[in-house]
N, C-alpha and C. Protein backbone atom coordinates (compact mmCIF):
# COMPACT_ATOMS: atom_id res chain seq x y z
N MET A 1 -14.90 10.82 19.16
CA MET A 1 -13.99 9.96 18.42
C MET A 1 -13.07 9.26 19.43
N LYS A 2 -12.93 7.97 19.27
CA LYS A 2 -12.14 7.17 20.21
C LYS A 2 -10.64 7.28 19.92
N GLU A 3 -9.86 7.43 20.99
CA GLU A 3 -8.41 7.53 20.84
C GLU A 3 -7.83 6.16 20.47
N PRO A 4 -6.98 6.13 19.44
CA PRO A 4 -6.36 4.86 19.04
C PRO A 4 -5.39 4.35 20.10
N ASN A 5 -5.26 3.05 20.17
CA ASN A 5 -4.33 2.41 21.08
C ASN A 5 -3.00 2.24 20.34
N ILE A 6 -1.99 2.97 20.75
CA ILE A 6 -0.70 2.99 20.06
C ILE A 6 -0.04 1.61 20.07
N GLU A 7 -0.06 0.94 21.19
CA GLU A 7 0.56 -0.39 21.26
C GLU A 7 -0.14 -1.38 20.34
N GLN A 8 -1.46 -1.29 20.24
CA GLN A 8 -2.21 -2.17 19.34
C GLN A 8 -1.89 -1.85 17.89
N MET A 9 -1.70 -0.57 17.59
CA MET A 9 -1.34 -0.17 16.23
C MET A 9 0.01 -0.77 15.84
N LYS A 10 0.97 -0.72 16.75
CA LYS A 10 2.29 -1.31 16.49
C LYS A 10 2.14 -2.79 16.20
N LEU A 11 1.35 -3.45 17.00
CA LEU A 11 1.13 -4.88 16.84
C LEU A 11 0.46 -5.18 15.49
N ASP A 12 -0.58 -4.42 15.16
CA ASP A 12 -1.29 -4.61 13.90
C ASP A 12 -0.39 -4.38 12.68
N MET A 13 0.56 -3.45 12.80
CA MET A 13 1.45 -3.12 11.69
C MET A 13 2.69 -4.01 11.65
N GLY A 14 2.84 -4.86 12.65
CA GLY A 14 4.02 -5.73 12.70
C GLY A 14 5.28 -4.98 13.07
N LEU A 15 5.14 -3.88 13.79
CA LEU A 15 6.29 -3.09 14.21
C LEU A 15 6.84 -3.63 15.52
N PRO A 16 8.14 -3.50 15.74
CA PRO A 16 8.70 -3.91 17.03
C PRO A 16 8.09 -3.09 18.17
N LYS A 17 7.98 -3.68 19.34
CA LYS A 17 7.39 -3.00 20.50
C LYS A 17 8.12 -1.72 20.87
N ASN A 18 9.43 -1.68 20.59
CA ASN A 18 10.22 -0.51 20.96
C ASN A 18 10.20 0.59 19.90
N THR A 19 9.37 0.45 18.88
CA THR A 19 9.27 1.50 17.85
C THR A 19 8.79 2.79 18.52
N PHE A 20 9.47 3.89 18.22
CA PHE A 20 9.17 5.18 18.83
C PHE A 20 7.92 5.79 18.21
N PHE A 21 6.95 6.16 19.06
CA PHE A 21 5.76 6.86 18.61
C PHE A 21 6.13 8.32 18.42
N HIS A 22 6.02 8.80 17.20
CA HIS A 22 6.42 10.16 16.82
C HIS A 22 5.35 11.18 17.21
N GLY A 23 4.08 10.77 17.18
CA GLY A 23 2.98 11.67 17.55
C GLY A 23 1.82 11.52 16.58
N PHE A 24 0.76 12.26 16.88
CA PHE A 24 -0.39 12.32 15.97
C PHE A 24 -0.20 13.52 15.06
N LEU A 25 -0.49 13.35 13.79
CA LEU A 25 -0.34 14.40 12.79
C LEU A 25 -1.67 14.62 12.10
N ILE A 26 -1.85 15.81 11.57
CA ILE A 26 -3.02 16.09 10.75
C ILE A 26 -2.57 16.04 9.30
N HIS A 27 -3.22 15.19 8.53
CA HIS A 27 -2.81 14.88 7.16
C HIS A 27 -3.97 15.10 6.19
N ASN A 28 -3.67 15.73 5.08
CA ASN A 28 -4.65 15.87 4.00
C ASN A 28 -4.25 14.87 2.92
N PRO A 29 -4.95 13.74 2.82
CA PRO A 29 -4.55 12.70 1.85
C PRO A 29 -4.62 13.15 0.39
N GLU A 30 -5.59 14.00 0.04
CA GLU A 30 -5.72 14.43 -1.35
C GLU A 30 -4.54 15.32 -1.77
N GLN A 31 -4.12 16.20 -0.90
CA GLN A 31 -2.98 17.07 -1.19
C GLN A 31 -1.65 16.41 -0.81
N ASP A 32 -1.74 15.34 -0.03
CA ASP A 32 -0.59 14.61 0.49
C ASP A 32 0.36 15.53 1.23
N ASP A 33 -0.22 16.35 2.12
CA ASP A 33 0.59 17.22 2.95
C ASP A 33 0.13 17.12 4.40
N PHE A 34 0.90 17.75 5.27
CA PHE A 34 0.71 17.66 6.71
C PHE A 34 0.67 19.05 7.31
N LEU A 35 -0.11 19.20 8.37
CA LEU A 35 -0.18 20.49 9.05
C LEU A 35 1.18 20.79 9.69
N LEU A 36 1.74 21.92 9.34
CA LEU A 36 3.04 22.34 9.86
C LEU A 36 2.87 23.26 11.07
N SER A 37 1.96 24.21 10.95
CA SER A 37 1.70 25.14 12.05
C SER A 37 0.28 25.69 11.90
N TYR A 38 -0.24 26.20 12.98
CA TYR A 38 -1.59 26.75 12.92
C TYR A 38 -1.82 27.75 14.05
N LYS A 39 -2.81 28.58 13.82
CA LYS A 39 -3.29 29.50 14.84
C LYS A 39 -4.78 29.63 14.60
N SER A 40 -5.53 29.38 15.62
CA SER A 40 -6.98 29.42 15.48
C SER A 40 -7.57 30.24 16.61
N ASN A 41 -8.43 31.19 16.24
CA ASN A 41 -9.18 31.95 17.23
C ASN A 41 -10.53 32.32 16.62
N ARG A 42 -11.27 33.14 17.28
CA ARG A 42 -12.63 33.47 16.81
C ARG A 42 -12.64 34.13 15.43
N SER A 43 -11.64 34.91 15.13
CA SER A 43 -11.68 35.69 13.89
C SER A 43 -10.90 35.08 12.74
N THR A 44 -10.02 34.13 13.01
CA THR A 44 -9.20 33.62 11.91
C THR A 44 -8.71 32.20 12.18
N ASN A 45 -8.46 31.51 11.11
CA ASN A 45 -7.83 30.18 11.15
C ASN A 45 -6.63 30.23 10.20
N LEU A 46 -5.46 30.35 10.75
CA LEU A 46 -4.25 30.38 9.94
C LEU A 46 -3.57 29.02 10.02
N LYS A 47 -3.13 28.52 8.87
CA LYS A 47 -2.46 27.23 8.86
C LYS A 47 -1.45 27.18 7.73
N ALA A 48 -0.39 26.42 7.97
CA ALA A 48 0.65 26.19 6.96
C ALA A 48 0.87 24.70 6.88
N TYR A 49 1.25 24.24 5.70
CA TYR A 49 1.43 22.81 5.47
C TYR A 49 2.84 22.50 4.99
N CYS A 50 3.24 21.25 5.17
CA CYS A 50 4.53 20.77 4.69
C CYS A 50 4.32 19.41 4.02
N GLN A 51 5.32 18.95 3.28
CA GLN A 51 5.18 17.70 2.53
C GLN A 51 5.64 16.47 3.28
N THR A 52 6.35 16.65 4.38
CA THR A 52 6.90 15.49 5.06
C THR A 52 6.40 15.37 6.50
N PRO A 53 6.14 14.15 6.94
CA PRO A 53 5.64 13.97 8.31
C PRO A 53 6.65 14.32 9.39
N ASP A 54 7.94 14.26 9.07
CA ASP A 54 8.94 14.57 10.09
C ASP A 54 8.97 16.05 10.44
N MET A 55 8.47 16.91 9.56
CA MET A 55 8.42 18.35 9.82
C MET A 55 7.07 18.79 10.38
N ALA A 56 6.07 17.93 10.31
CA ALA A 56 4.71 18.29 10.69
C ALA A 56 4.57 18.58 12.17
N PHE A 57 3.55 19.34 12.50
CA PHE A 57 3.22 19.64 13.89
C PHE A 57 2.80 18.34 14.56
N ARG A 58 3.43 18.01 15.67
CA ARG A 58 3.14 16.76 16.38
C ARG A 58 2.27 17.02 17.59
N PHE A 59 1.23 16.24 17.69
CA PHE A 59 0.36 16.26 18.86
C PHE A 59 0.65 14.97 19.61
N MET A 60 0.98 15.06 20.86
CA MET A 60 1.23 13.85 21.64
C MET A 60 -0.07 13.27 22.19
N LYS A 61 -1.11 14.06 22.19
CA LYS A 61 -2.41 13.60 22.67
C LYS A 61 -3.42 13.68 21.51
N PHE A 62 -4.12 12.59 21.30
CA PHE A 62 -5.10 12.51 20.23
C PHE A 62 -6.18 13.58 20.39
N LYS A 63 -6.62 13.82 21.62
CA LYS A 63 -7.67 14.80 21.88
C LYS A 63 -7.28 16.20 21.39
N LYS A 64 -6.02 16.55 21.54
CA LYS A 64 -5.56 17.87 21.09
C LYS A 64 -5.53 17.94 19.56
N ALA A 65 -5.14 16.86 18.92
CA ALA A 65 -5.16 16.82 17.45
C ALA A 65 -6.59 16.95 16.94
N TYR A 66 -7.49 16.24 17.59
CA TYR A 66 -8.91 16.28 17.18
C TYR A 66 -9.49 17.68 17.38
N LYS A 67 -9.14 18.32 18.48
CA LYS A 67 -9.63 19.68 18.74
C LYS A 67 -9.09 20.64 17.68
N ALA A 68 -7.83 20.51 17.30
CA ALA A 68 -7.25 21.36 16.27
C ALA A 68 -7.96 21.13 14.93
N LEU A 69 -8.23 19.89 14.60
CA LEU A 69 -8.94 19.55 13.37
C LEU A 69 -10.30 20.24 13.33
N GLN A 70 -10.99 20.22 14.46
CA GLN A 70 -12.30 20.88 14.56
C GLN A 70 -12.16 22.41 14.52
N ASP A 71 -11.24 22.95 15.31
CA ASP A 71 -11.06 24.40 15.38
C ASP A 71 -10.70 24.99 14.02
N LEU A 72 -9.90 24.26 13.26
CA LEU A 72 -9.47 24.73 11.94
C LEU A 72 -10.52 24.47 10.86
N GLU A 73 -11.57 23.74 11.23
CA GLU A 73 -12.67 23.43 10.31
C GLU A 73 -12.19 22.73 9.04
N ILE A 74 -11.35 21.69 9.25
CA ILE A 74 -10.82 20.94 8.10
C ILE A 74 -11.18 19.45 8.19
N GLU A 75 -12.19 19.14 8.98
CA GLU A 75 -12.60 17.74 9.14
C GLU A 75 -13.06 17.11 7.83
N ASP A 76 -13.51 17.93 6.89
CA ASP A 76 -13.99 17.40 5.62
C ASP A 76 -12.86 17.00 4.67
N ARG A 77 -11.62 17.42 4.95
CA ARG A 77 -10.53 17.14 4.02
C ARG A 77 -9.25 16.61 4.67
N ALA A 78 -9.20 16.60 5.98
CA ALA A 78 -7.99 16.13 6.66
C ALA A 78 -8.36 15.05 7.67
N ILE A 79 -7.37 14.23 8.00
CA ILE A 79 -7.55 13.16 8.98
C ILE A 79 -6.40 13.18 9.97
N ILE A 80 -6.61 12.52 11.08
CA ILE A 80 -5.55 12.37 12.08
C ILE A 80 -4.88 11.03 11.85
N VAL A 81 -3.56 11.05 11.74
CA VAL A 81 -2.79 9.82 11.56
C VAL A 81 -1.80 9.69 12.70
N ALA A 82 -1.43 8.45 12.98
CA ALA A 82 -0.38 8.19 13.97
C ALA A 82 0.93 8.06 13.20
N ALA A 83 2.00 8.59 13.75
CA ALA A 83 3.31 8.53 13.10
C ALA A 83 4.29 7.78 13.98
N PHE A 84 5.08 6.91 13.34
CA PHE A 84 6.08 6.11 14.04
C PHE A 84 7.43 6.34 13.38
N ASP A 85 8.46 6.50 14.20
CA ASP A 85 9.82 6.74 13.71
C ASP A 85 10.52 5.41 13.52
N LEU A 86 10.84 5.10 12.26
CA LEU A 86 11.53 3.85 11.93
C LEU A 86 13.02 4.09 11.69
N ASN A 87 13.55 5.16 12.24
CA ASN A 87 14.96 5.59 12.11
C ASN A 87 15.25 6.18 10.74
N ASN A 88 14.94 5.48 9.66
CA ASN A 88 15.24 6.00 8.32
C ASN A 88 14.03 6.63 7.66
N GLN A 89 12.86 6.53 8.27
CA GLN A 89 11.66 7.16 7.74
C GLN A 89 10.58 7.22 8.82
N ILE A 90 9.59 8.06 8.56
CA ILE A 90 8.44 8.17 9.44
C ILE A 90 7.29 7.44 8.76
N LEU A 91 6.73 6.47 9.45
CA LEU A 91 5.59 5.71 8.95
C LEU A 91 4.32 6.32 9.51
N ILE A 92 3.36 6.62 8.63
CA ILE A 92 2.08 7.12 9.12
C ILE A 92 1.03 6.03 8.96
N VAL A 93 0.16 5.97 9.94
CA VAL A 93 -0.90 4.97 9.97
C VAL A 93 -2.21 5.71 10.22
N GLY A 94 -3.15 5.50 9.30
CA GLY A 94 -4.44 6.15 9.43
C GLY A 94 -5.54 5.14 9.68
N PRO A 95 -6.72 5.64 10.00
CA PRO A 95 -7.86 4.76 10.21
C PRO A 95 -8.17 3.95 8.95
N ASP A 96 -8.65 2.72 9.13
CA ASP A 96 -8.97 1.85 8.00
C ASP A 96 -9.95 2.50 7.03
N ALA A 97 -10.84 3.32 7.54
CA ALA A 97 -11.84 3.96 6.68
C ALA A 97 -11.20 4.87 5.63
N PHE A 98 -9.95 5.27 5.85
CA PHE A 98 -9.27 6.18 4.94
C PHE A 98 -8.15 5.51 4.16
N LYS A 99 -8.10 4.19 4.20
CA LYS A 99 -7.01 3.45 3.56
C LYS A 99 -6.87 3.79 2.08
N GLU A 100 -8.00 3.83 1.36
CA GLU A 100 -7.96 4.15 -0.07
C GLU A 100 -7.37 5.52 -0.31
N ARG A 101 -7.78 6.50 0.47
CA ARG A 101 -7.28 7.87 0.31
C ARG A 101 -5.78 7.93 0.61
N LEU A 102 -5.33 7.16 1.59
CA LEU A 102 -3.91 7.20 1.95
C LEU A 102 -3.04 6.51 0.91
N LEU A 103 -3.60 5.55 0.19
CA LEU A 103 -2.83 4.81 -0.81
C LEU A 103 -2.95 5.38 -2.21
N ALA A 104 -3.69 6.46 -2.37
CA ALA A 104 -3.85 7.08 -3.69
C ALA A 104 -2.52 7.58 -4.21
N GLU A 105 -2.41 7.66 -5.54
CA GLU A 105 -1.17 8.16 -6.15
C GLU A 105 -0.90 9.58 -5.67
N SER A 106 0.37 9.91 -5.62
CA SER A 106 0.78 11.20 -5.11
C SER A 106 1.93 11.77 -5.92
N ASN A 107 1.95 13.10 -6.01
CA ASN A 107 3.07 13.80 -6.62
C ASN A 107 4.10 14.22 -5.59
N ASN A 108 3.88 13.85 -4.34
CA ASN A 108 4.78 14.22 -3.26
C ASN A 108 6.10 13.46 -3.43
N PRO A 109 7.19 14.18 -3.71
CA PRO A 109 8.48 13.50 -3.95
C PRO A 109 9.06 12.83 -2.71
N PHE A 110 8.51 13.13 -1.55
CA PHE A 110 9.03 12.56 -0.30
C PHE A 110 8.33 11.30 0.12
N ARG A 111 7.30 10.91 -0.58
CA ARG A 111 6.55 9.72 -0.19
C ARG A 111 7.33 8.46 -0.55
N ALA A 112 7.43 7.56 0.42
CA ALA A 112 8.10 6.28 0.19
C ALA A 112 7.11 5.32 -0.45
N ASN A 113 7.59 4.55 -1.41
CA ASN A 113 6.73 3.57 -2.07
C ASN A 113 6.57 2.30 -1.25
N ALA A 114 7.53 2.03 -0.43
CA ALA A 114 7.48 0.80 0.37
C ALA A 114 8.04 1.06 1.76
N VAL A 115 7.55 0.34 2.69
CA VAL A 115 8.03 0.46 4.06
C VAL A 115 8.91 -0.73 4.36
N SER A 116 10.06 -0.45 4.93
CA SER A 116 10.93 -1.56 5.36
C SER A 116 11.23 -1.38 6.83
N HIS A 117 11.06 -2.44 7.57
CA HIS A 117 11.36 -2.38 9.01
C HIS A 117 11.87 -3.72 9.46
């Protein structure tokens, strides 16, 4: 899997160049939650989730997020998203292939309906 270009993502989203990259997060679009913590070894895969991207486990390297996704065996239900800090909220950006899943209705009370920057 190819690592996304953060600067190109900012440009594509119309974000200012100085927007802070928060990190890569593992997101389950159907549950609308984010990986909070995990432990993976040969005998067990332990994971906890949270509802907000600001609390989620941040990977600064895409390769490490991808390895965690594989180690936890959640590739069928979770995706890696890039997160950007807009001061008043965290914006998550996912691959175009998952756009429909990311825009699906959610019961998550922390989800913003609109992004302002």
